[in-house]
Every structure is written in C-alpha cells, then in structure tokens.
Amino acid sequence: MKRILVTGAGGSAGHNFINSLRLAYESFYVVGGDANRWHLELSNADYTYLIPPANEVAGYIEALNKIIKKEKIEFVHPQPDIEVAVISEKRDEIDALTYLPDKKTIRICQNKMKLNEVLKKNGVAVPASFLILKEKDLKKAVPHLLERFPEKVWLRAIKGAGARASLPVRKVSQAEMWINYWDNFKGIGYGDFMMSEYLPGGEFAFQSLW
C-alpha cells in the first residue's frame, strides 16, 4: 500500500484531496499534517499530526521529515499555497517524492500578475490587468478597465488562494481605501495588488494534472 503525506489536511481543499484518494481503485495509507490545531479533528486522514507553520521553514521541514521517517512516507502532497511554495524551494531537503513542477513554474503560478503576463505572451487569452505599484496606477487602471466593462473592475492580491483580498470596485477611492485597509491590518499594500477587467458570467474552479 502506497503511503502519502497530505499537508493542510484539515482544510477543505486537503479534505477533498483525501476524499479523491479514497475513490481510487487502489488503497492508500494517508497521513495528514496541519499547522492549525483546531483543524486536526476535521482531517479524514488515517492519522494526522500537528506541524509547525510553513513560514517557520527550518522547523517545518524538520517536522515533515520526522513524519516521513516514522510513517514510511513515499510521497508528499502539499495543499496550501504557502506550503507548496516552501516545499518547492526546499524539495531537495524533503526525504520523499513531491512530483512538483520546477521551481520557476511554481513561482509563476503563485503570482497572478506574473502568470497573466506569461499566458498573454504565449497567446492565451487573459483579462486585461495592471500591477498596482502606486496610487497613480489606480488612476490609470480604473478608467481604462471600466471602458471595457463599465459595471466594475476586480482588485485583488497577486498572491494567495481563496480570492484573497479581492474586491469589485467602481471608483479609485474605493480601491485606495481597500489597499490601505489591507496594508494597515495585514501588511500587504502597493506592489502586492493587481487590477483586472471584470469577466461576467458563472464562476468555476478546476484541478488538473500536467
């Protein structure tokens, strides 16, 4: 039986990934790891460990390797974005397979603005977008994007999952207040946001293997 470690096991995405493994034609022994002690009981892994936050890099990698050794783990699946980033950069220190794309690809995919630029360069249709470095960038981006779709435009953080720091706006003043709020309370400000044209219609999400 193959033995897999899933991080972020108590979150909804980790939970869904483990459910998908349970639907496979073969059985897996699944070990979970989660940095949130209140999520441990939500994990549907065979056994779940409390691990350090991924931003405590040295302790995080050490904890994973202890679990890998104890549970004879063959493959590590990092689910939360921050854990994907850390494990990608430190993959040579992980004592199990990860099957992650190369580091450059991970860095691009975890930055919405960079991904937008790469896709556009390679002929893939993407929403018109602006990196917001200063207040003057808002004054340029908002009217330009409203010409394309006059109802509203999207302001969002360039990094993070779950629509982090996203807000539809119609005015420059709304965007300024939103960025100032996140800067004051969460420490992300100008340089951490992008603005994109609003795409109407239904929303959907998907996962794929490459």
N, C-alpha and C. Protein backbone atom coordinates (compact mmCIF):
# COMPACT_ATOMS: atom_id res chain seq x y z
N MET A 1 0.85 -1.20 0.00
CA MET A 1 0.00 0.00 0.00
C MET A 1 0.88 1.25 0.00
N LYS A 2 0.63 2.15 -0.93
CA LYS A 2 1.40 3.39 -1.01
C LYS A 2 1.06 4.29 0.17
N ARG A 3 2.07 5.04 0.64
CA ARG A 3 1.91 5.85 1.84
C ARG A 3 2.14 7.32 1.48
N ILE A 4 1.14 8.16 1.76
CA ILE A 4 1.12 9.55 1.30
C ILE A 4 0.94 10.49 2.49
N LEU A 5 1.67 11.60 2.45
CA LEU A 5 1.50 12.67 3.44
C LEU A 5 0.83 13.85 2.76
N VAL A 6 -0.28 14.30 3.32
CA VAL A 6 -1.03 15.45 2.79
C VAL A 6 -0.96 16.58 3.81
N THR A 7 -0.42 17.73 3.42
CA THR A 7 -0.40 18.87 4.34
C THR A 7 -1.66 19.71 4.16
N GLY A 8 -1.99 20.48 5.20
CA GLY A 8 -3.25 21.21 5.17
C GLY A 8 -4.43 20.25 5.18
N ALA A 9 -4.25 19.12 5.85
CA ALA A 9 -5.22 18.02 5.76
C ALA A 9 -6.57 18.36 6.37
N GLY A 10 -6.60 19.33 7.30
CA GLY A 10 -7.86 19.68 7.94
C GLY A 10 -8.65 20.74 7.21
N GLY A 11 -8.05 21.36 6.19
CA GLY A 11 -8.76 22.36 5.40
C GLY A 11 -9.65 21.71 4.36
N SER A 12 -10.54 22.50 3.77
CA SER A 12 -11.50 21.94 2.82
C SER A 12 -10.81 21.35 1.59
N ALA A 13 -9.77 22.03 1.08
CA ALA A 13 -9.08 21.52 -0.11
C ALA A 13 -8.34 20.22 0.20
N GLY A 14 -7.66 20.18 1.35
CA GLY A 14 -6.97 18.96 1.75
C GLY A 14 -7.94 17.81 1.97
N HIS A 15 -9.08 18.14 2.58
CA HIS A 15 -10.13 17.15 2.83
C HIS A 15 -10.63 16.57 1.50
N ASN A 16 -10.85 17.44 0.52
CA ASN A 16 -11.33 16.99 -0.78
C ASN A 16 -10.29 16.13 -1.50
N PHE A 17 -9.02 16.50 -1.36
CA PHE A 17 -7.96 15.71 -2.00
C PHE A 17 -7.93 14.30 -1.42
N ILE A 18 -8.04 14.21 -0.10
CA ILE A 18 -8.03 12.89 0.54
C ILE A 18 -9.27 12.09 0.12
N ASN A 19 -10.41 12.75 0.02
CA ASN A 19 -11.62 12.07 -0.47
C ASN A 19 -11.40 11.50 -1.87
N SER A 20 -10.69 12.26 -2.71
CA SER A 20 -10.40 11.78 -4.07
C SER A 20 -9.53 10.54 -4.04
N LEU A 21 -8.55 10.52 -3.13
CA LEU A 21 -7.71 9.33 -3.00
C LEU A 21 -8.54 8.11 -2.60
N ARG A 22 -9.54 8.34 -1.76
CA ARG A 22 -10.39 7.23 -1.30
C ARG A 22 -11.22 6.65 -2.44
N LEU A 23 -11.41 7.42 -3.51
CA LEU A 23 -12.20 6.95 -4.65
C LEU A 23 -11.36 6.16 -5.65
N ALA A 24 -10.05 6.11 -5.43
CA ALA A 24 -9.17 5.43 -6.37
C ALA A 24 -9.38 3.92 -6.33
N TYR A 25 -8.91 3.25 -7.38
CA TYR A 25 -9.08 1.79 -7.46
C TYR A 25 -8.14 1.06 -6.51
N GLU A 26 -7.10 1.74 -6.05
CA GLU A 26 -6.21 1.12 -5.07
C GLU A 26 -6.31 1.86 -3.75
N SER A 27 -5.90 1.21 -2.69
CA SER A 27 -5.97 1.81 -1.36
C SER A 27 -4.67 2.53 -1.03
N PHE A 28 -4.79 3.62 -0.28
CA PHE A 28 -3.63 4.38 0.17
C PHE A 28 -3.68 4.53 1.68
N TYR A 29 -2.51 4.55 2.29
CA TYR A 29 -2.42 4.94 3.70
C TYR A 29 -2.09 6.43 3.70
N VAL A 30 -3.01 7.23 4.22
CA VAL A 30 -2.88 8.68 4.13
C VAL A 30 -2.60 9.27 5.51
N VAL A 31 -1.49 9.97 5.61
CA VAL A 31 -1.14 10.69 6.83
C VAL A 31 -1.37 12.18 6.58
N GLY A 32 -1.98 12.85 7.52
CA GLY A 32 -2.24 14.28 7.38
C GLY A 32 -1.31 15.10 8.26
N GLY A 33 -1.09 16.34 7.83
CA GLY A 33 -0.37 17.31 8.64
C GLY A 33 -1.11 18.63 8.56
N ASP A 34 -1.23 19.33 9.68
CA ASP A 34 -1.89 20.63 9.66
C ASP A 34 -1.29 21.52 10.74
N ALA A 35 -1.08 22.79 10.40
CA ALA A 35 -0.49 23.74 11.34
C ALA A 35 -1.53 24.36 12.27
N ASN A 36 -2.80 24.13 11.99
CA ASN A 36 -3.88 24.67 12.81
C ASN A 36 -4.42 23.55 13.70
N ARG A 37 -4.19 23.67 15.01
CA ARG A 37 -4.61 22.59 15.91
C ARG A 37 -6.12 22.39 15.90
N TRP A 38 -6.87 23.43 15.56
CA TRP A 38 -8.33 23.32 15.55
C TRP A 38 -8.83 22.62 14.29
N HIS A 39 -7.94 22.38 13.33
CA HIS A 39 -8.33 21.67 12.11
C HIS A 39 -8.04 20.18 12.18
N LEU A 40 -7.32 19.75 13.20
CA LEU A 40 -6.90 18.35 13.26
C LEU A 40 -8.09 17.40 13.24
N GLU A 41 -9.14 17.75 13.98
CA GLU A 41 -10.29 16.84 14.06
C GLU A 41 -11.10 16.83 12.76
N LEU A 42 -10.83 17.79 11.86
CA LEU A 42 -11.54 17.84 10.59
C LEU A 42 -10.89 16.98 9.51
N SER A 43 -9.67 16.54 9.77
CA SER A 43 -8.94 15.74 8.79
C SER A 43 -9.56 14.35 8.67
N ASN A 44 -9.63 13.86 7.44
CA ASN A 44 -10.11 12.50 7.21
C ASN A 44 -8.98 11.55 6.83
N ALA A 45 -7.75 11.94 7.21
CA ALA A 45 -6.59 11.07 7.00
C ALA A 45 -6.63 9.91 8.01
N ASP A 46 -5.81 8.91 7.76
CA ASP A 46 -5.74 7.78 8.69
C ASP A 46 -5.11 8.21 10.02
N TYR A 47 -4.20 9.15 9.96
CA TYR A 47 -3.61 9.73 11.17
C TYR A 47 -3.16 11.14 10.82
N THR A 48 -3.32 12.08 11.74
CA THR A 48 -2.99 13.48 11.46
C THR A 48 -2.08 14.04 12.54
N TYR A 49 -1.05 14.76 12.10
CA TYR A 49 -0.08 15.37 13.01
C TYR A 49 -0.22 16.89 13.01
N LEU A 50 0.02 17.49 14.16
CA LEU A 50 0.15 18.95 14.26
C LEU A 50 1.58 19.30 13.85
N ILE A 51 1.73 20.19 12.87
CA ILE A 51 3.05 20.57 12.38
C ILE A 51 3.25 22.07 12.52
N PRO A 52 4.50 22.55 12.51
CA PRO A 52 4.75 24.00 12.59
C PRO A 52 4.24 24.71 11.34
N PRO A 53 3.99 26.01 11.43
CA PRO A 53 3.63 26.78 10.23
C PRO A 53 4.76 26.74 9.21
N ALA A 54 4.40 26.80 7.94
CA ALA A 54 5.41 26.69 6.88
C ALA A 54 6.37 27.87 6.87
N ASN A 55 5.95 29.03 7.42
CA ASN A 55 6.87 30.17 7.44
C ASN A 55 7.97 30.02 8.49
N GLU A 56 7.84 29.02 9.35
CA GLU A 56 8.94 28.63 10.24
C GLU A 56 9.70 27.51 9.52
N VAL A 57 10.43 27.90 8.48
CA VAL A 57 10.88 26.95 7.47
C VAL A 57 11.70 25.79 8.03
N ALA A 58 12.71 26.09 8.84
CA ALA A 58 13.59 25.03 9.33
C ALA A 58 12.81 24.01 10.17
N GLY A 59 11.99 24.51 11.09
CA GLY A 59 11.20 23.61 11.93
C GLY A 59 10.15 22.85 11.15
N TYR A 60 9.61 23.51 10.13
CA TYR A 60 8.59 22.88 9.29
C TYR A 60 9.18 21.70 8.52
N ILE A 61 10.32 21.91 7.86
CA ILE A 61 10.96 20.84 7.09
C ILE A 61 11.38 19.70 8.01
N GLU A 62 11.91 20.05 9.17
CA GLU A 62 12.33 19.02 10.13
C GLU A 62 11.14 18.17 10.57
N ALA A 63 10.01 18.83 10.84
CA ALA A 63 8.81 18.10 11.28
C ALA A 63 8.30 17.17 10.18
N LEU A 64 8.30 17.65 8.94
CA LEU A 64 7.86 16.79 7.84
C LEU A 64 8.75 15.56 7.71
N ASN A 65 10.05 15.75 7.80
CA ASN A 65 10.96 14.62 7.65
C ASN A 65 10.84 13.62 8.79
N LYS A 66 10.51 14.10 9.98
CA LYS A 66 10.27 13.17 11.10
C LYS A 66 9.04 12.31 10.82
N ILE A 67 7.99 12.94 10.29
CA ILE A 67 6.78 12.19 9.95
C ILE A 67 7.07 11.21 8.82
N ILE A 68 7.81 11.68 7.82
CA ILE A 68 8.16 10.83 6.67
C ILE A 68 8.90 9.58 7.14
N LYS A 69 9.85 9.76 8.05
CA LYS A 69 10.62 8.63 8.55
C LYS A 69 9.76 7.70 9.40
N LYS A 70 8.98 8.28 10.31
CA LYS A 70 8.16 7.47 11.22
C LYS A 70 7.09 6.69 10.47
N GLU A 71 6.44 7.34 9.50
CA GLU A 71 5.31 6.73 8.81
C GLU A 71 5.70 6.07 7.47
N LYS A 72 7.00 6.10 7.16
CA LYS A 72 7.50 5.50 5.91
C LYS A 72 6.78 6.09 4.69
N ILE A 73 6.70 7.42 4.67
CA ILE A 73 6.00 8.14 3.61
C ILE A 73 6.80 8.08 2.30
N GLU A 74 6.09 7.84 1.20
CA GLU A 74 6.73 7.79 -0.11
C GLU A 74 6.52 9.08 -0.92
N PHE A 75 5.40 9.74 -0.69
CA PHE A 75 5.03 10.91 -1.49
C PHE A 75 4.39 11.97 -0.61
N VAL A 76 4.81 13.23 -0.79
CA VAL A 76 4.24 14.35 -0.04
C VAL A 76 3.42 15.22 -0.98
N HIS A 77 2.17 15.46 -0.61
CA HIS A 77 1.30 16.36 -1.37
C HIS A 77 1.03 17.60 -0.53
N PRO A 78 1.68 18.74 -0.83
CA PRO A 78 1.38 19.98 -0.10
C PRO A 78 0.14 20.63 -0.68
N GLN A 79 -0.84 20.97 0.17
CA GLN A 79 -2.08 21.55 -0.34
C GLN A 79 -2.12 23.08 -0.25
N PRO A 80 -1.90 23.69 0.93
CA PRO A 80 -1.96 25.16 0.99
C PRO A 80 -0.84 25.80 0.16
N ASP A 81 -1.14 26.95 -0.42
CA ASP A 81 -0.19 27.64 -1.29
C ASP A 81 1.16 27.88 -0.63
N ILE A 82 1.14 28.33 0.62
CA ILE A 82 2.40 28.65 1.28
C ILE A 82 3.24 27.40 1.47
N GLU A 83 2.59 26.25 1.68
CA GLU A 83 3.33 25.01 1.86
C GLU A 83 3.85 24.48 0.52
N VAL A 84 3.09 24.71 -0.54
CA VAL A 84 3.59 24.38 -1.88
C VAL A 84 4.87 25.17 -2.16
N ALA A 85 4.84 26.47 -1.83
CA ALA A 85 6.00 27.34 -2.09
C ALA A 85 7.23 26.88 -1.31
N VAL A 86 7.04 26.61 -0.02
CA VAL A 86 8.18 26.23 0.82
C VAL A 86 8.73 24.87 0.41
N ILE A 87 7.85 23.90 0.20
CA ILE A 87 8.32 22.56 -0.18
C ILE A 87 8.96 22.59 -1.56
N SER A 88 8.45 23.43 -2.46
CA SER A 88 9.07 23.56 -3.77
C SER A 88 10.51 24.05 -3.65
N GLU A 89 10.70 25.11 -2.87
CA GLU A 89 12.04 25.68 -2.72
C GLU A 89 12.98 24.75 -1.96
N LYS A 90 12.44 23.95 -1.06
CA LYS A 90 13.26 23.08 -0.21
C LYS A 90 13.13 21.61 -0.60
N ARG A 91 12.71 21.33 -1.81
CA ARG A 91 12.42 19.95 -2.22
C ARG A 91 13.60 19.01 -2.05
N ASP A 92 14.82 19.53 -2.19
CA ASP A 92 16.00 18.68 -2.05
C ASP A 92 16.24 18.26 -0.60
N GLU A 93 15.54 18.92 0.33
CA GLU A 93 15.69 18.58 1.75
C GLU A 93 14.55 17.68 2.23
N ILE A 94 13.59 17.40 1.37
CA ILE A 94 12.45 16.56 1.73
C ILE A 94 12.80 15.10 1.43
N ASP A 95 12.62 14.22 2.41
CA ASP A 95 13.02 12.82 2.27
C ASP A 95 11.94 11.95 1.64
N ALA A 96 11.21 12.52 0.68
CA ALA A 96 10.19 11.77 -0.05
C ALA A 96 9.95 12.46 -1.38
N LEU A 97 9.25 11.80 -2.27
CA LEU A 97 8.93 12.39 -3.57
C LEU A 97 7.88 13.49 -3.40
N THR A 98 7.92 14.49 -4.29
CA THR A 98 6.90 15.54 -4.29
C THR A 98 6.22 15.68 -5.66
N TYR A 99 6.91 15.34 -6.73
CA TYR A 99 6.38 15.45 -8.09
C TYR A 99 5.87 16.85 -8.42
N LEU A 100 6.47 17.86 -7.82
CA LEU A 100 6.08 19.24 -8.12
C LEU A 100 6.71 19.70 -9.43
N PRO A 101 6.06 20.62 -10.13
CA PRO A 101 6.72 21.26 -11.28
C PRO A 101 8.00 21.96 -10.81
N ASP A 102 8.82 22.43 -11.75
CA ASP A 102 10.08 23.06 -11.34
C ASP A 102 9.81 24.35 -10.57
N LYS A 103 10.83 24.83 -9.90
CA LYS A 103 10.69 25.97 -9.00
C LYS A 103 10.19 27.22 -9.73
N LYS A 104 10.71 27.44 -10.93
CA LYS A 104 10.30 28.62 -11.70
C LYS A 104 8.81 28.59 -11.99
N THR A 105 8.30 27.43 -12.36
CA THR A 105 6.88 27.30 -12.67
C THR A 105 6.02 27.57 -11.44
N ILE A 106 6.44 27.04 -10.29
CA ILE A 106 5.70 27.28 -9.05
C ILE A 106 5.67 28.77 -8.73
N ARG A 107 6.81 29.44 -8.88
CA ARG A 107 6.86 30.88 -8.58
C ARG A 107 5.93 31.66 -9.48
N ILE A 108 5.88 31.30 -10.75
CA ILE A 108 4.98 31.99 -11.69
C ILE A 108 3.52 31.74 -11.33
N CYS A 109 3.19 30.49 -11.07
CA CYS A 109 1.79 30.13 -10.80
C CYS A 109 1.29 30.72 -9.48
N GLN A 110 2.19 31.05 -8.57
CA GLN A 110 1.77 31.61 -7.30
C GLN A 110 1.75 33.14 -7.32
N ASN A 111 1.95 33.72 -8.48
CA ASN A 111 1.86 35.17 -8.64
C ASN A 111 0.90 35.44 -9.80
N LYS A 112 -0.30 35.89 -9.49
CA LYS A 112 -1.34 36.04 -10.51
C LYS A 112 -0.93 37.01 -11.62
N MET A 113 -0.19 38.05 -11.28
CA MET A 113 0.22 39.01 -12.30
C MET A 113 1.27 38.41 -13.23
N LYS A 114 2.23 37.69 -12.67
CA LYS A 114 3.24 37.04 -13.50
C LYS A 114 2.61 35.98 -14.39
N LEU A 115 1.67 35.22 -13.83
CA LEU A 115 1.00 34.19 -14.63
C LEU A 115 0.23 34.83 -15.77
N ASN A 116 -0.45 35.93 -15.48
CA ASN A 116 -1.19 36.66 -16.51
C ASN A 116 -0.25 37.07 -17.65
N GLU A 117 0.92 37.58 -17.30
CA GLU A 117 1.88 38.04 -18.30
C GLU A 117 2.43 36.88 -19.13
N VAL A 118 2.74 35.76 -18.48
CA VAL A 118 3.29 34.60 -19.19
C VAL A 118 2.25 34.01 -20.14
N LEU A 119 1.02 33.88 -19.67
CA LEU A 119 -0.04 33.34 -20.52
C LEU A 119 -0.27 34.24 -21.74
N LYS A 120 -0.32 35.55 -21.50
CA LYS A 120 -0.53 36.50 -22.59
C LYS A 120 0.59 36.42 -23.62
N LYS A 121 1.82 36.32 -23.13
CA LYS A 121 2.98 36.23 -24.02
C LYS A 121 2.92 34.99 -24.90
N ASN A 122 2.27 33.94 -24.39
CA ASN A 122 2.20 32.68 -25.12
C ASN A 122 0.86 32.49 -25.84
N GLY A 123 0.14 33.59 -26.04
CA GLY A 123 -1.05 33.55 -26.87
C GLY A 123 -2.31 33.07 -26.21
N VAL A 124 -2.32 33.01 -24.88
CA VAL A 124 -3.52 32.60 -24.15
C VAL A 124 -4.32 33.84 -23.78
N ALA A 125 -5.62 33.82 -24.03
CA ALA A 125 -6.47 34.97 -23.71
C ALA A 125 -6.55 35.15 -22.19
N VAL A 126 -6.28 36.35 -21.72
CA VAL A 126 -6.33 36.65 -20.29
C VAL A 126 -7.04 37.99 -20.09
N PRO A 127 -7.57 38.24 -18.90
CA PRO A 127 -8.18 39.55 -18.62
C PRO A 127 -7.13 40.65 -18.67
N ALA A 128 -7.50 41.81 -19.20
CA ALA A 128 -6.60 42.97 -19.15
C ALA A 128 -6.30 43.29 -17.70
N SER A 129 -5.02 43.45 -17.36
CA SER A 129 -4.63 43.59 -15.96
C SER A 129 -3.50 44.60 -15.80
N PHE A 130 -3.45 45.21 -14.62
CA PHE A 130 -2.41 46.18 -14.28
C PHE A 130 -1.84 45.83 -12.91
N LEU A 131 -0.53 45.88 -12.78
CA LEU A 131 0.11 45.77 -11.48
C LEU A 131 0.02 47.13 -10.80
N ILE A 132 -0.44 47.15 -9.56
CA ILE A 132 -0.65 48.41 -8.84
C ILE A 132 0.53 48.66 -7.90
N LEU A 133 1.45 49.49 -8.35
CA LEU A 133 2.64 49.81 -7.56
C LEU A 133 2.46 51.08 -6.74
N LYS A 134 1.67 52.02 -7.29
CA LYS A 134 1.47 53.31 -6.63
C LYS A 134 0.02 53.75 -6.83
N GLU A 135 -0.37 54.81 -6.11
CA GLU A 135 -1.73 55.32 -6.25
C GLU A 135 -2.03 55.76 -7.68
N LYS A 136 -1.03 56.31 -8.35
CA LYS A 136 -1.25 56.78 -9.72
C LYS A 136 -1.61 55.64 -10.67
N ASP A 137 -1.18 54.42 -10.33
CA ASP A 137 -1.53 53.27 -11.16
C ASP A 137 -3.03 52.98 -11.10
N LEU A 138 -3.63 53.24 -9.94
CA LEU A 138 -5.08 53.07 -9.80
C LEU A 138 -5.81 54.06 -10.70
N LYS A 139 -5.33 55.29 -10.73
CA LYS A 139 -5.98 56.34 -11.52
C LYS A 139 -5.90 56.04 -13.02
N LYS A 140 -4.89 55.27 -13.41
CA LYS A 140 -4.77 54.86 -14.80
C LYS A 140 -5.61 53.62 -15.08
N ALA A 141 -5.56 52.65 -14.17
CA ALA A 141 -6.18 51.34 -14.41
C ALA A 141 -7.70 51.38 -14.35
N VAL A 142 -8.26 52.07 -13.36
CA VAL A 142 -9.71 52.03 -13.16
C VAL A 142 -10.48 52.55 -14.37
N PRO A 143 -10.21 53.77 -14.86
CA PRO A 143 -10.98 54.24 -16.02
C PRO A 143 -10.73 53.41 -17.28
N HIS A 144 -9.50 52.92 -17.45
CA HIS A 144 -9.20 52.11 -18.63
C HIS A 144 -10.02 50.82 -18.62
N LEU A 145 -10.07 50.16 -17.48
CA LEU A 145 -10.78 48.88 -17.40
C LEU A 145 -12.29 49.08 -17.43
N LEU A 146 -12.77 50.18 -16.88
CA LEU A 146 -14.21 50.44 -16.91
C LEU A 146 -14.71 50.70 -18.33
N GLU A 147 -13.82 51.13 -19.20
CA GLU A 147 -14.21 51.30 -20.61
C GLU A 147 -14.53 49.95 -21.24
N ARG A 148 -13.85 48.90 -20.79
CA ARG A 148 -14.05 47.57 -21.35
C ARG A 148 -15.30 46.91 -20.77
N PHE A 149 -15.52 47.13 -19.47
CA PHE A 149 -16.71 46.58 -18.82
C PHE A 149 -17.14 47.57 -17.76
N PRO A 150 -18.13 48.40 -18.04
CA PRO A 150 -18.44 49.56 -17.20
C PRO A 150 -19.05 49.26 -15.83
N GLU A 151 -19.41 48.01 -15.57
CA GLU A 151 -20.08 47.73 -14.30
C GLU A 151 -19.13 47.82 -13.11
N LYS A 152 -17.95 47.19 -13.22
CA LYS A 152 -16.98 47.16 -12.12
C LYS A 152 -15.68 46.54 -12.61
N VAL A 153 -14.64 46.65 -11.77
CA VAL A 153 -13.35 46.02 -12.07
C VAL A 153 -12.90 45.26 -10.83
N TRP A 154 -12.00 44.30 -11.03
CA TRP A 154 -11.52 43.49 -9.92
C TRP A 154 -10.21 44.03 -9.37
N LEU A 155 -10.15 44.18 -8.06
CA LEU A 155 -8.91 44.49 -7.36
C LEU A 155 -8.59 43.29 -6.49
N ARG A 156 -7.37 42.78 -6.59
CA ARG A 156 -7.05 41.57 -5.82
C ARG A 156 -5.56 41.50 -5.52
N ALA A 157 -5.23 40.74 -4.47
CA ALA A 157 -3.82 40.48 -4.16
C ALA A 157 -3.23 39.58 -5.24
N ILE A 158 -1.96 39.80 -5.55
CA ILE A 158 -1.33 38.98 -6.59
C ILE A 158 -0.94 37.60 -6.07
N LYS A 159 -0.94 37.43 -4.75
CA LYS A 159 -0.60 36.13 -4.18
C LYS A 159 -1.67 35.72 -3.17
N GLY A 160 -1.86 34.41 -3.04
CA GLY A 160 -2.82 33.90 -2.07
C GLY A 160 -3.98 33.19 -2.74
N ALA A 161 -4.59 32.29 -1.99
CA ALA A 161 -5.71 31.49 -2.51
C ALA A 161 -7.03 31.98 -1.93
N GLY A 162 -8.12 31.43 -2.45
CA GLY A 162 -9.44 31.75 -1.92
C GLY A 162 -9.86 33.19 -2.14
N ALA A 163 -9.47 33.76 -3.29
CA ALA A 163 -9.82 35.15 -3.62
C ALA A 163 -9.32 36.12 -2.55
N ARG A 164 -8.12 35.90 -2.07
CA ARG A 164 -7.56 36.73 -1.00
C ARG A 164 -7.53 38.20 -1.40
N ALA A 165 -8.05 39.03 -0.53
CA ALA A 165 -8.03 40.49 -0.68
C ALA A 165 -8.67 40.95 -1.99
N SER A 166 -9.67 40.21 -2.46
CA SER A 166 -10.35 40.58 -3.71
C SER A 166 -11.57 41.44 -3.43
N LEU A 167 -11.79 42.42 -4.31
CA LEU A 167 -12.94 43.30 -4.14
C LEU A 167 -13.31 43.91 -5.50
N PRO A 168 -14.59 43.84 -5.89
CA PRO A 168 -15.01 44.57 -7.08
C PRO A 168 -15.20 46.04 -6.73
N VAL A 169 -14.67 46.93 -7.56
CA VAL A 169 -14.77 48.37 -7.28
C VAL A 169 -15.22 49.11 -8.53
N ARG A 170 -15.75 50.33 -8.30
CA ARG A 170 -16.16 51.20 -9.41
C ARG A 170 -15.39 52.52 -9.41
N LYS A 171 -14.75 52.83 -8.27
CA LYS A 171 -14.09 54.12 -8.13
C LYS A 171 -12.66 53.94 -7.62
N VAL A 172 -11.81 54.89 -7.99
CA VAL A 172 -10.44 54.89 -7.49
C VAL A 172 -10.42 54.97 -5.97
N SER A 173 -11.30 55.78 -5.40
CA SER A 173 -11.32 55.96 -3.94
C SER A 173 -11.63 54.65 -3.22
N GLN A 174 -12.49 53.82 -3.80
CA GLN A 174 -12.80 52.52 -3.19
C GLN A 174 -11.56 51.62 -3.18
N ALA A 175 -10.82 51.63 -4.28
CA ALA A 175 -9.61 50.82 -4.37
C ALA A 175 -8.55 51.32 -3.38
N GLU A 176 -8.41 52.63 -3.27
CA GLU A 176 -7.43 53.20 -2.34
C GLU A 176 -7.74 52.79 -0.90
N MET A 177 -9.00 52.87 -0.51
CA MET A 177 -9.38 52.51 0.86
C MET A 177 -9.15 51.03 1.12
N TRP A 178 -9.43 50.19 0.11
CA TRP A 178 -9.25 48.75 0.27
C TRP A 178 -7.77 48.39 0.45
N ILE A 179 -6.91 48.98 -0.36
CA ILE A 179 -5.47 48.70 -0.23
C ILE A 179 -4.95 49.23 1.11
N ASN A 180 -5.40 50.40 1.52
CA ASN A 180 -4.97 50.96 2.80
C ASN A 180 -5.41 50.08 3.97
N TYR A 181 -6.61 49.53 3.86
CA TYR A 181 -7.10 48.62 4.91
C TYR A 181 -6.18 47.40 5.03
N TRP A 182 -5.88 46.76 3.91
CA TRP A 182 -5.04 45.56 3.94
C TRP A 182 -3.61 45.89 4.36
N ASP A 183 -3.14 47.07 4.00
CA ASP A 183 -1.81 47.48 4.41
C ASP A 183 -1.75 47.66 5.93
N ASN A 184 -2.78 48.29 6.49
CA ASN A 184 -2.80 48.55 7.93
C ASN A 184 -2.99 47.30 8.77
N PHE A 185 -3.84 46.38 8.30
CA PHE A 185 -4.20 45.22 9.11
C PHE A 185 -3.44 43.94 8.75
N LYS A 186 -3.01 43.81 7.49
CA LYS A 186 -2.39 42.56 7.06
C LYS A 186 -0.98 42.74 6.49
N GLY A 187 -0.55 43.99 6.32
CA GLY A 187 0.81 44.23 5.86
C GLY A 187 1.05 44.01 4.38
N ILE A 188 -0.03 44.02 3.58
CA ILE A 188 0.16 43.97 2.13
C ILE A 188 -0.43 45.24 1.53
N GLY A 189 0.35 45.91 0.68
CA GLY A 189 -0.08 47.19 0.15
C GLY A 189 0.27 47.34 -1.31
N TYR A 190 0.65 48.55 -1.70
CA TYR A 190 1.01 48.80 -3.09
C TYR A 190 2.19 47.91 -3.48
N GLY A 191 2.08 47.31 -4.65
CA GLY A 191 3.06 46.33 -5.09
C GLY A 191 2.59 44.90 -4.88
N ASP A 192 1.57 44.75 -4.02
CA ASP A 192 1.01 43.42 -3.73
C ASP A 192 -0.35 43.22 -4.38
N PHE A 193 -0.83 44.22 -5.13
CA PHE A 193 -2.16 44.15 -5.73
C PHE A 193 -2.10 44.30 -7.24
N MET A 194 -3.12 43.76 -7.89
CA MET A 194 -3.32 43.94 -9.32
C MET A 194 -4.78 44.31 -9.55
N MET A 195 -5.03 44.90 -10.69
CA MET A 195 -6.40 45.24 -11.07
C MET A 195 -6.68 44.64 -12.43
N SER A 196 -7.86 44.01 -12.56
CA SER A 196 -8.20 43.30 -13.79
C SER A 196 -9.61 43.64 -14.23
N GLU A 197 -9.85 43.47 -15.53
CA GLU A 197 -11.21 43.65 -16.02
C GLU A 197 -12.11 42.57 -15.41
N TYR A 198 -13.34 42.94 -15.18
CA TYR A 198 -14.31 42.01 -14.61
C TYR A 198 -14.89 41.14 -15.72
N LEU A 199 -14.84 39.83 -15.52
CA LEU A 199 -15.39 38.90 -16.50
C LEU A 199 -16.76 38.44 -16.03
N PRO A 200 -17.82 38.78 -16.74
CA PRO A 200 -19.17 38.39 -16.30
C PRO A 200 -19.42 36.90 -16.53
N GLY A 201 -20.50 36.41 -15.95
CA GLY A 201 -20.86 35.00 -16.13
C GLY A 201 -20.57 34.18 -14.89
N GLY A 202 -20.81 32.88 -15.01
CA GLY A 202 -20.62 31.98 -13.88
C GLY A 202 -19.15 31.77 -13.56
N GLU A 203 -18.90 31.34 -12.34
CA GLU A 203 -17.54 31.05 -11.90
C GLU A 203 -17.37 29.54 -11.75
N PHE A 204 -16.17 29.06 -12.02
CA PHE A 204 -15.90 27.65 -11.81
C PHE A 204 -14.44 27.47 -11.44
N ALA A 205 -14.15 26.36 -10.81
CA ALA A 205 -12.78 26.03 -10.43
C ALA A 205 -12.47 24.63 -10.93
N PHE A 206 -11.20 24.37 -11.20
CA PHE A 206 -10.83 23.03 -11.64
C PHE A 206 -9.42 22.71 -11.19
N GLN A 207 -9.11 21.43 -11.11
CA GLN A 207 -7.76 20.96 -10.86
C GLN A 207 -7.34 20.09 -12.02
N SER A 208 -6.06 20.12 -12.36
CA SER A 208 -5.60 19.33 -13.49
C SER A 208 -4.22 18.77 -13.21
N LEU A 209 -3.89 17.70 -13.89
CA LEU A 209 -2.56 17.09 -13.80
C LEU A 209 -1.84 17.36 -15.11
N TRP A 210 -0.58 17.77 -15.03
CA TRP A 210 0.19 18.11 -16.22
C TRP A 210 1.37 17.15 -16.35
